Amino acid sequence: MPTKKLKESPFIKYTVTDYPGFEKFNEKNLPIIIEALKAIHINLSIEENELSLFIPASYYNECHNRNAGRHKKIMSRTGEYETYELFGKRKSFFSGEKLMYSDIVPLMLKKSDADIIKQLNIPRATYYRHKKILMDSSYYQSIEKDKLTKEFALSDEAAEYFKSIDGDLNF
């Protein structure tokens, strides 16, 4: 199986014949196999001794990219996570208030990155990875440039303004 996305749908065609003595067996089982493959979007057909097999790239790519792997941790204002044990494995879950983009942007304007890292109590690499995602987001791009100043971040209306922008996601 390919490990990357398919750019085009693979298609194969062969000339086939029934194996002597298996004609009835093949005739009985072929429709079952065709229906089973259709359920997973693989198209198999046999017409005039030609076998055709087709896999739609769009369906394969959708199934292949199923968001497996380690998921992003949710950061809180206090950095608190609670752990519990389930089936012999330790699990953690978020127990505080979520830290949103609208909380980080004013911090970025008021403090240095080192101070924010210390305040949030997170690894430096994690902070910079999340900050890069924030800076590339549509949320950050839609902030008015005159609002990206330390003076505005210290004002009373800053918190309300940053929360009102669309796309305020978890940091």
N, C-alpha and C. Protein backbone atom coordinates (compact mmCIF):
# COMPACT_ATOMS: atom_id res chain seq x y z
N MET A 1 0.84 -1.19 0.00
CA MET A 1 0.00 0.00 0.00
C MET A 1 0.88 1.25 0.00
N PRO A 2 0.54 2.22 -0.77
CA PRO A 2 1.29 3.47 -0.76
C PRO A 2 1.14 4.15 0.60
N THR A 3 2.19 4.84 1.01
CA THR A 3 2.12 5.52 2.30
C THR A 3 1.72 6.97 2.14
N LYS A 4 1.72 7.47 0.93
CA LYS A 4 1.36 8.86 0.68
C LYS A 4 0.02 8.92 -0.05
N LYS A 5 -0.46 10.13 -0.25
CA LYS A 5 -1.72 10.31 -0.98
C LYS A 5 -1.58 9.87 -2.43
N LEU A 6 -2.66 9.32 -2.95
CA LEU A 6 -2.70 8.96 -4.36
C LEU A 6 -3.06 10.19 -5.17
N LYS A 7 -2.32 10.47 -6.23
CA LYS A 7 -2.62 11.62 -7.07
C LYS A 7 -3.67 11.27 -8.12
N GLU A 8 -3.65 10.02 -8.56
CA GLU A 8 -4.66 9.58 -9.52
C GLU A 8 -5.14 8.20 -9.11
N SER A 9 -6.31 7.83 -9.58
CA SER A 9 -6.92 6.56 -9.19
C SER A 9 -6.26 5.40 -9.94
N PRO A 10 -5.75 4.40 -9.20
CA PRO A 10 -5.12 3.25 -9.87
C PRO A 10 -6.17 2.36 -10.55
N PHE A 11 -5.79 1.84 -11.71
CA PHE A 11 -6.70 1.02 -12.50
C PHE A 11 -5.87 -0.09 -13.14
N ILE A 12 -6.35 -1.34 -13.05
CA ILE A 12 -5.67 -2.46 -13.72
C ILE A 12 -6.69 -3.27 -14.51
N LYS A 13 -6.18 -3.97 -15.56
CA LYS A 13 -7.05 -4.79 -16.40
C LYS A 13 -6.26 -6.04 -16.80
N TYR A 14 -6.87 -7.19 -16.59
CA TYR A 14 -6.24 -8.47 -16.93
C TYR A 14 -7.20 -9.32 -17.76
N THR A 15 -6.63 -10.24 -18.54
CA THR A 15 -7.41 -11.26 -19.21
C THR A 15 -7.39 -12.48 -18.31
N VAL A 16 -8.57 -13.02 -18.00
CA VAL A 16 -8.65 -14.15 -17.07
C VAL A 16 -9.55 -15.24 -17.65
N THR A 17 -9.34 -16.44 -17.18
CA THR A 17 -10.21 -17.57 -17.52
C THR A 17 -10.51 -18.33 -16.24
N ASP A 18 -11.63 -19.07 -16.25
CA ASP A 18 -11.99 -19.89 -15.10
C ASP A 18 -11.03 -21.07 -15.01
N TYR A 19 -10.63 -21.39 -13.82
CA TYR A 19 -9.82 -22.57 -13.58
C TYR A 19 -10.73 -23.78 -13.76
N PRO A 20 -10.31 -24.80 -14.49
CA PRO A 20 -11.18 -25.97 -14.74
C PRO A 20 -11.72 -26.56 -13.44
N GLY A 21 -13.02 -26.74 -13.38
CA GLY A 21 -13.67 -27.32 -12.21
C GLY A 21 -14.17 -26.28 -11.21
N PHE A 22 -13.82 -25.00 -11.40
CA PHE A 22 -14.23 -23.94 -10.46
C PHE A 22 -15.29 -23.01 -11.06
N GLU A 23 -15.86 -23.34 -12.20
CA GLU A 23 -16.81 -22.46 -12.86
C GLU A 23 -18.01 -22.13 -11.97
N LYS A 24 -18.64 -23.17 -11.37
CA LYS A 24 -19.80 -22.94 -10.51
C LYS A 24 -19.42 -22.18 -9.24
N PHE A 25 -18.28 -22.55 -8.68
CA PHE A 25 -17.78 -21.89 -7.47
C PHE A 25 -17.54 -20.40 -7.74
N ASN A 26 -16.89 -20.09 -8.85
CA ASN A 26 -16.62 -18.70 -9.22
C ASN A 26 -17.92 -17.94 -9.49
N GLU A 27 -18.84 -18.58 -10.19
CA GLU A 27 -20.12 -17.95 -10.52
C GLU A 27 -20.90 -17.60 -9.25
N LYS A 28 -20.80 -18.46 -8.25
CA LYS A 28 -21.51 -18.24 -6.98
C LYS A 28 -20.84 -17.14 -6.15
N ASN A 29 -19.52 -17.14 -6.08
CA ASN A 29 -18.80 -16.23 -5.17
C ASN A 29 -18.43 -14.88 -5.76
N LEU A 30 -18.37 -14.77 -7.08
CA LEU A 30 -17.98 -13.49 -7.70
C LEU A 30 -18.90 -12.34 -7.29
N PRO A 31 -20.23 -12.48 -7.34
CA PRO A 31 -21.09 -11.35 -6.92
C PRO A 31 -20.88 -10.97 -5.44
N ILE A 32 -20.61 -11.95 -4.60
CA ILE A 32 -20.36 -11.67 -3.18
C ILE A 32 -19.08 -10.85 -3.02
N ILE A 33 -18.04 -11.25 -3.73
CA ILE A 33 -16.76 -10.53 -3.66
C ILE A 33 -16.91 -9.12 -4.24
N ILE A 34 -17.62 -8.97 -5.34
CA ILE A 34 -17.83 -7.64 -5.94
C ILE A 34 -18.55 -6.72 -4.97
N GLU A 35 -19.61 -7.22 -4.32
CA GLU A 35 -20.36 -6.40 -3.34
C GLU A 35 -19.50 -6.04 -2.13
N ALA A 36 -18.69 -6.99 -1.65
CA ALA A 36 -17.82 -6.73 -0.51
C ALA A 36 -16.80 -5.64 -0.85
N LEU A 37 -16.25 -5.70 -2.04
CA LEU A 37 -15.28 -4.68 -2.46
C LEU A 37 -15.96 -3.33 -2.69
N LYS A 38 -17.19 -3.33 -3.19
CA LYS A 38 -17.92 -2.07 -3.38
C LYS A 38 -18.13 -1.36 -2.05
N ALA A 39 -18.31 -2.13 -0.98
CA ALA A 39 -18.52 -1.53 0.35
C ALA A 39 -17.31 -0.72 0.79
N ILE A 40 -16.13 -1.06 0.29
CA ILE A 40 -14.92 -0.29 0.62
C ILE A 40 -14.42 0.50 -0.59
N HIS A 41 -15.34 0.74 -1.52
CA HIS A 41 -15.11 1.60 -2.70
C HIS A 41 -14.02 1.08 -3.64
N ILE A 42 -13.91 -0.23 -3.76
CA ILE A 42 -13.02 -0.83 -4.76
C ILE A 42 -13.91 -1.47 -5.80
N ASN A 43 -13.75 -1.05 -7.03
CA ASN A 43 -14.62 -1.52 -8.10
C ASN A 43 -13.95 -2.66 -8.86
N LEU A 44 -14.58 -3.83 -8.83
CA LEU A 44 -14.10 -5.01 -9.54
C LEU A 44 -15.18 -5.43 -10.53
N SER A 45 -14.75 -5.71 -11.74
CA SER A 45 -15.71 -6.22 -12.73
C SER A 45 -15.01 -7.21 -13.65
N ILE A 46 -15.79 -8.18 -14.11
CA ILE A 46 -15.29 -9.16 -15.08
C ILE A 46 -16.29 -9.20 -16.23
N GLU A 47 -15.83 -8.80 -17.40
CA GLU A 47 -16.67 -8.80 -18.61
C GLU A 47 -15.86 -9.39 -19.75
N GLU A 48 -16.43 -10.40 -20.40
CA GLU A 48 -15.79 -11.05 -21.55
C GLU A 48 -14.35 -11.46 -21.23
N ASN A 49 -14.17 -12.14 -20.12
CA ASN A 49 -12.87 -12.64 -19.66
C ASN A 49 -11.86 -11.55 -19.36
N GLU A 50 -12.30 -10.30 -19.15
CA GLU A 50 -11.40 -9.21 -18.75
C GLU A 50 -11.76 -8.77 -17.34
N LEU A 51 -10.77 -8.84 -16.46
CA LEU A 51 -10.95 -8.41 -15.07
C LEU A 51 -10.44 -6.97 -14.95
N SER A 52 -11.27 -6.10 -14.39
CA SER A 52 -10.89 -4.70 -14.18
C SER A 52 -10.99 -4.40 -12.69
N LEU A 53 -10.00 -3.68 -12.19
CA LEU A 53 -9.98 -3.29 -10.78
C LEU A 53 -9.64 -1.81 -10.71
N PHE A 54 -10.44 -1.07 -9.94
CA PHE A 54 -10.31 0.39 -9.86
C PHE A 54 -10.47 0.84 -8.42
N ILE A 55 -9.55 1.69 -7.94
CA ILE A 55 -9.63 2.25 -6.59
C ILE A 55 -9.71 3.78 -6.72
N PRO A 56 -10.80 4.41 -6.28
CA PRO A 56 -10.89 5.88 -6.36
C PRO A 56 -9.88 6.55 -5.42
N ALA A 57 -9.06 7.41 -5.95
CA ALA A 57 -8.03 8.08 -5.16
C ALA A 57 -8.64 8.92 -4.04
N SER A 58 -9.75 9.58 -4.31
CA SER A 58 -10.35 10.45 -3.29
C SER A 58 -10.77 9.66 -2.07
N TYR A 59 -11.38 8.49 -2.27
CA TYR A 59 -11.81 7.67 -1.13
C TYR A 59 -10.60 7.10 -0.39
N TYR A 60 -9.61 6.61 -1.14
CA TYR A 60 -8.39 6.07 -0.51
C TYR A 60 -7.72 7.13 0.35
N ASN A 61 -7.57 8.34 -0.19
CA ASN A 61 -6.90 9.41 0.55
C ASN A 61 -7.68 9.80 1.80
N GLU A 62 -9.00 9.81 1.72
CA GLU A 62 -9.84 10.14 2.87
C GLU A 62 -9.65 9.10 3.98
N CYS A 63 -9.61 7.82 3.60
CA CYS A 63 -9.43 6.75 4.60
C CYS A 63 -8.01 6.72 5.13
N HIS A 64 -7.06 6.96 4.26
CA HIS A 64 -5.65 6.89 4.64
C HIS A 64 -5.28 8.00 5.61
N ASN A 65 -5.83 9.19 5.41
CA ASN A 65 -5.53 10.32 6.29
C ASN A 65 -6.65 10.43 7.32
N ARG A 66 -6.59 9.61 8.34
CA ARG A 66 -7.67 9.56 9.32
C ARG A 66 -7.27 10.20 10.65
N ASN A 67 -6.31 11.11 10.61
CA ASN A 67 -5.88 11.87 11.78
C ASN A 67 -5.37 10.97 12.90
N ALA A 68 -4.64 9.93 12.52
CA ALA A 68 -4.04 9.06 13.53
C ALA A 68 -2.79 9.74 14.09
N GLY A 69 -2.34 9.27 15.20
CA GLY A 69 -1.12 9.81 15.80
C GLY A 69 -1.41 10.60 17.05
N ARG A 70 -0.37 11.20 17.57
CA ARG A 70 -0.49 11.94 18.81
C ARG A 70 -1.27 13.23 18.57
N HIS A 71 -2.20 13.51 19.46
CA HIS A 71 -3.02 14.70 19.33
C HIS A 71 -2.45 15.84 20.15
N LYS A 72 -2.75 17.03 19.73
CA LYS A 72 -2.27 18.25 20.38
C LYS A 72 -2.83 18.36 21.79
N LYS A 73 -1.96 18.71 22.74
CA LYS A 73 -2.42 18.92 24.10
C LYS A 73 -3.10 20.29 24.19
N ILE A 74 -4.12 20.36 25.01
CA ILE A 74 -4.81 21.62 25.22
C ILE A 74 -4.13 22.34 26.38
N MET A 75 -3.71 23.56 26.17
CA MET A 75 -3.05 24.31 27.23
C MET A 75 -4.07 25.09 28.03
N SER A 76 -3.78 25.22 29.30
CA SER A 76 -4.67 25.97 30.18
C SER A 76 -3.96 27.19 30.71
N ARG A 77 -4.72 28.05 31.33
CA ARG A 77 -4.13 29.25 31.91
C ARG A 77 -3.19 28.90 33.06
N THR A 78 -3.49 27.79 33.74
CA THR A 78 -2.68 27.40 34.90
C THR A 78 -1.74 26.26 34.58
N GLY A 79 -1.86 25.68 33.39
CA GLY A 79 -1.01 24.57 33.00
C GLY A 79 -1.36 23.28 33.73
N GLU A 80 -2.60 23.14 34.19
CA GLU A 80 -2.98 21.97 34.98
C GLU A 80 -3.58 20.88 34.11
N TYR A 81 -3.07 19.68 34.28
CA TYR A 81 -3.64 18.49 33.66
C TYR A 81 -3.83 17.48 34.77
N GLU A 82 -4.93 16.75 34.74
CA GLU A 82 -5.15 15.69 35.70
C GLU A 82 -4.92 14.37 35.00
N THR A 83 -4.39 13.40 35.75
CA THR A 83 -4.14 12.09 35.15
C THR A 83 -4.99 11.04 35.85
N TYR A 84 -5.29 9.99 35.13
CA TYR A 84 -6.02 8.87 35.70
C TYR A 84 -5.53 7.61 35.01
N GLU A 85 -5.85 6.47 35.56
CA GLU A 85 -5.42 5.21 34.97
C GLU A 85 -6.62 4.49 34.40
N LEU A 86 -6.49 4.01 33.16
CA LEU A 86 -7.57 3.30 32.50
C LEU A 86 -6.96 2.11 31.78
N PHE A 87 -7.39 0.92 32.11
CA PHE A 87 -6.89 -0.30 31.51
C PHE A 87 -5.37 -0.40 31.61
N GLY A 88 -4.83 0.00 32.74
CA GLY A 88 -3.39 -0.12 32.97
C GLY A 88 -2.55 0.95 32.31
N LYS A 89 -3.18 1.95 31.68
CA LYS A 89 -2.42 3.03 31.04
C LYS A 89 -2.79 4.35 31.67
N ARG A 90 -1.78 5.19 31.85
CA ARG A 90 -2.04 6.51 32.42
C ARG A 90 -2.59 7.43 31.34
N LYS A 91 -3.64 8.14 31.64
CA LYS A 91 -4.25 9.10 30.72
C LYS A 91 -4.26 10.45 31.41
N SER A 92 -4.23 11.51 30.61
CA SER A 92 -4.35 12.83 31.19
C SER A 92 -5.48 13.58 30.50
N PHE A 93 -6.10 14.46 31.23
CA PHE A 93 -7.15 15.27 30.63
C PHE A 93 -7.06 16.68 31.19
N PHE A 94 -7.57 17.59 30.44
CA PHE A 94 -7.53 19.00 30.77
C PHE A 94 -8.54 19.31 31.86
N SER A 95 -8.11 20.03 32.88
CA SER A 95 -9.01 20.30 34.00
C SER A 95 -9.23 21.78 34.25
N GLY A 96 -8.66 22.63 33.44
CA GLY A 96 -8.80 24.06 33.69
C GLY A 96 -9.47 24.79 32.54
N GLU A 97 -9.26 26.08 32.50
CA GLU A 97 -9.84 26.91 31.45
C GLU A 97 -8.90 26.92 30.25
N LYS A 98 -9.44 26.72 29.04
CA LYS A 98 -8.62 26.65 27.84
C LYS A 98 -7.92 27.98 27.56
N LEU A 99 -6.71 27.87 27.04
CA LEU A 99 -5.94 29.04 26.64
C LEU A 99 -6.18 29.24 25.15
N MET A 100 -6.73 30.38 24.79
CA MET A 100 -7.14 30.66 23.42
C MET A 100 -6.16 31.63 22.75
N TYR A 101 -6.27 31.75 21.42
CA TYR A 101 -5.46 32.72 20.69
C TYR A 101 -5.66 34.12 21.26
N SER A 102 -6.90 34.44 21.62
CA SER A 102 -7.20 35.78 22.13
C SER A 102 -6.53 36.05 23.46
N ASP A 103 -6.07 35.03 24.15
CA ASP A 103 -5.32 35.21 25.39
C ASP A 103 -3.83 35.40 25.10
N ILE A 104 -3.34 34.76 24.05
CA ILE A 104 -1.91 34.79 23.75
C ILE A 104 -1.48 36.06 23.02
N VAL A 105 -2.29 36.53 22.09
CA VAL A 105 -1.88 37.71 21.31
C VAL A 105 -1.58 38.91 22.20
N PRO A 106 -2.45 39.27 23.16
CA PRO A 106 -2.09 40.39 24.04
C PRO A 106 -0.83 40.11 24.86
N LEU A 107 -0.64 38.85 25.26
CA LEU A 107 0.59 38.50 25.99
C LEU A 107 1.81 38.72 25.12
N MET A 108 1.70 38.33 23.84
CA MET A 108 2.83 38.50 22.92
C MET A 108 3.18 39.98 22.74
N LEU A 109 2.19 40.83 22.84
CA LEU A 109 2.43 42.26 22.66
C LEU A 109 3.02 42.90 23.93
N LYS A 110 2.68 42.33 25.09
CA LYS A 110 3.12 42.90 26.37
C LYS A 110 4.44 42.35 26.87
N LYS A 111 4.70 41.06 26.59
CA LYS A 111 5.85 40.38 27.19
C LYS A 111 6.75 39.74 26.15
N SER A 112 7.94 39.38 26.58
CA SER A 112 8.86 38.66 25.70
C SER A 112 8.46 37.19 25.65
N ASP A 113 8.96 36.48 24.64
CA ASP A 113 8.66 35.07 24.51
C ASP A 113 9.14 34.29 25.74
N ALA A 114 10.30 34.63 26.24
CA ALA A 114 10.84 33.93 27.41
C ALA A 114 9.93 34.10 28.62
N ASP A 115 9.38 35.29 28.80
CA ASP A 115 8.46 35.52 29.93
C ASP A 115 7.15 34.73 29.76
N ILE A 116 6.67 34.65 28.54
CA ILE A 116 5.43 33.90 28.27
C ILE A 116 5.66 32.41 28.53
N ILE A 117 6.80 31.90 28.07
CA ILE A 117 7.14 30.49 28.28
C ILE A 117 7.19 30.17 29.76
N LYS A 118 7.80 31.07 30.52
CA LYS A 118 7.89 30.87 31.96
C LYS A 118 6.51 30.95 32.61
N GLN A 119 5.69 31.90 32.20
CA GLN A 119 4.36 32.06 32.77
C GLN A 119 3.47 30.86 32.47
N LEU A 120 3.53 30.35 31.23
CA LEU A 120 2.70 29.22 30.84
C LEU A 120 3.26 27.88 31.31
N ASN A 121 4.53 27.88 31.66
CA ASN A 121 5.20 26.67 32.14
C ASN A 121 5.13 25.55 31.10
N ILE A 122 5.57 25.89 29.88
CA ILE A 122 5.58 24.92 28.78
C ILE A 122 6.98 24.87 28.17
N PRO A 123 7.33 23.78 27.50
CA PRO A 123 8.63 23.72 26.82
C PRO A 123 8.75 24.79 25.73
N ARG A 124 9.95 25.28 25.54
CA ARG A 124 10.20 26.34 24.57
C ARG A 124 9.78 25.90 23.16
N ALA A 125 10.15 24.67 22.78
CA ALA A 125 9.82 24.19 21.43
C ALA A 125 8.31 24.14 21.22
N THR A 126 7.58 23.73 22.24
CA THR A 126 6.12 23.68 22.16
C THR A 126 5.54 25.07 21.95
N TYR A 127 6.04 26.02 22.71
CA TYR A 127 5.56 27.40 22.59
C TYR A 127 5.79 27.92 21.17
N TYR A 128 7.00 27.75 20.65
CA TYR A 128 7.30 28.29 19.32
C TYR A 128 6.52 27.56 18.23
N ARG A 129 6.27 26.26 18.39
CA ARG A 129 5.47 25.52 17.42
C ARG A 129 4.04 26.06 17.40
N HIS A 130 3.47 26.26 18.59
CA HIS A 130 2.11 26.79 18.69
C HIS A 130 2.04 28.24 18.21
N LYS A 131 3.09 29.01 18.51
CA LYS A 131 3.13 30.41 18.09
C LYS A 131 3.17 30.50 16.56
N LYS A 132 3.94 29.62 15.91
CA LYS A 132 4.02 29.63 14.44
C LYS A 132 2.65 29.34 13.83
N ILE A 133 1.93 28.36 14.42
CA ILE A 133 0.59 28.04 13.93
C ILE A 133 -0.34 29.25 14.10
N LEU A 134 -0.23 29.91 15.24
CA LEU A 134 -1.02 31.11 15.51
C LEU A 134 -0.71 32.20 14.51
N MET A 135 0.56 32.47 14.27
CA MET A 135 0.96 33.54 13.36
C MET A 135 0.51 33.27 11.91
N ASP A 136 0.41 32.00 11.52
CA ASP A 136 -0.03 31.64 10.18
C ASP A 136 -1.54 31.54 10.05
N SER A 137 -2.25 31.63 11.17
CA SER A 137 -3.70 31.41 11.16
C SER A 137 -4.46 32.59 10.56
N SER A 138 -5.69 32.29 10.12
CA SER A 138 -6.56 33.34 9.60
C SER A 138 -6.95 34.31 10.73
N TYR A 139 -6.97 33.80 11.97
CA TYR A 139 -7.28 34.65 13.12
C TYR A 139 -6.27 35.80 13.21
N TYR A 140 -4.99 35.47 13.19
CA TYR A 140 -3.95 36.49 13.33
C TYR A 140 -3.93 37.42 12.11
N GLN A 141 -4.16 36.85 10.93
CA GLN A 141 -4.15 37.67 9.71
C GLN A 141 -5.30 38.68 9.69
N SER A 142 -6.40 38.36 10.40
CA SER A 142 -7.56 39.27 10.37
C SER A 142 -7.51 40.35 11.46
N ILE A 143 -6.48 40.33 12.29
CA ILE A 143 -6.33 41.39 13.30
C ILE A 143 -5.88 42.67 12.60
N GLU A 144 -6.53 43.78 12.91
CA GLU A 144 -6.12 45.06 12.34
C GLU A 144 -4.71 45.39 12.82
N LYS A 145 -3.87 45.81 11.90
CA LYS A 145 -2.46 46.03 12.22
C LYS A 145 -2.24 47.13 13.25
N ASP A 146 -3.14 48.12 13.30
CA ASP A 146 -2.97 49.18 14.30
C ASP A 146 -3.31 48.69 15.71
N LYS A 147 -3.92 47.49 15.80
CA LYS A 147 -4.25 46.91 17.11
C LYS A 147 -3.10 46.06 17.66
N LEU A 148 -2.08 45.82 16.84
CA LEU A 148 -0.95 45.01 17.28
C LEU A 148 0.14 45.86 17.92
N THR A 149 -0.24 46.61 18.93
CA THR A 149 0.71 47.45 19.65
C THR A 149 0.60 47.17 21.14
N LYS A 150 1.67 47.47 21.85
CA LYS A 150 1.67 47.25 23.30
C LYS A 150 0.65 48.16 23.98
N GLU A 151 0.53 49.38 23.48
CA GLU A 151 -0.42 50.34 24.07
C GLU A 151 -1.85 49.82 23.97
N PHE A 152 -2.21 49.27 22.80
CA PHE A 152 -3.57 48.75 22.65
C PHE A 152 -3.77 47.52 23.53
N ALA A 153 -2.76 46.66 23.61
CA ALA A 153 -2.87 45.43 24.41
C ALA A 153 -3.09 45.76 25.89
N LEU A 154 -2.60 46.90 26.35
CA LEU A 154 -2.77 47.30 27.75
C LEU A 154 -4.11 48.00 27.99
N SER A 155 -4.81 48.35 26.93
CA SER A 155 -6.07 49.08 27.08
C SER A 155 -7.20 48.15 27.54
N ASP A 156 -8.29 48.75 28.00
CA ASP A 156 -9.43 47.99 28.51
C ASP A 156 -10.20 47.28 27.39
N GLU A 157 -10.21 47.85 26.21
CA GLU A 157 -10.99 47.26 25.11
C GLU A 157 -10.26 46.14 24.38
N ALA A 158 -8.99 45.90 24.67
CA ALA A 158 -8.19 44.91 23.95
C ALA A 158 -8.74 43.49 24.10
N ALA A 159 -9.05 43.08 25.31
CA ALA A 159 -9.52 41.71 25.54
C ALA A 159 -10.80 41.44 24.75
N GLU A 160 -11.72 42.39 24.79
CA GLU A 160 -12.99 42.23 24.07
C GLU A 160 -12.76 42.17 22.56
N TYR A 161 -11.85 43.01 22.05
CA TYR A 161 -11.55 43.04 20.62
C TYR A 161 -10.96 41.70 20.17
N PHE A 162 -9.96 41.19 20.88
CA PHE A 162 -9.30 39.96 20.46
C PHE A 162 -10.25 38.75 20.55
N LYS A 163 -11.19 38.76 21.49
CA LYS A 163 -12.15 37.65 21.60
C LYS A 163 -13.21 37.73 20.50
N SER A 164 -13.44 38.91 19.96
CA SER A 164 -14.49 39.07 18.95
C SER A 164 -14.09 38.63 17.55
N ILE A 165 -12.82 38.39 17.33
CA ILE A 165 -12.34 38.00 15.99
C ILE A 165 -12.66 36.54 15.73
N ASP A 166 -13.12 36.25 14.51
CA ASP A 166 -13.43 34.87 14.11
C ASP A 166 -12.16 34.02 14.08
N GLY A 167 -12.32 32.76 14.44
CA GLY A 167 -11.20 31.82 14.38
C GLY A 167 -10.39 31.76 15.66
N ASP A 168 -10.96 32.17 16.78
CA ASP A 168 -10.26 32.15 18.08
C ASP A 168 -10.19 30.70 18.57
N LEU A 169 -9.09 30.03 18.25
CA LEU A 169 -8.93 28.60 18.56
C LEU A 169 -8.09 28.39 19.81
N ASN A 170 -7.98 27.11 20.23
CA ASN A 170 -7.12 26.76 21.37
C ASN A 170 -5.67 26.98 20.98
N PHE A 171 -4.91 27.59 21.89
CA PHE A 171 -3.49 27.75 21.67
C PHE A 171 -2.84 26.44 22.02
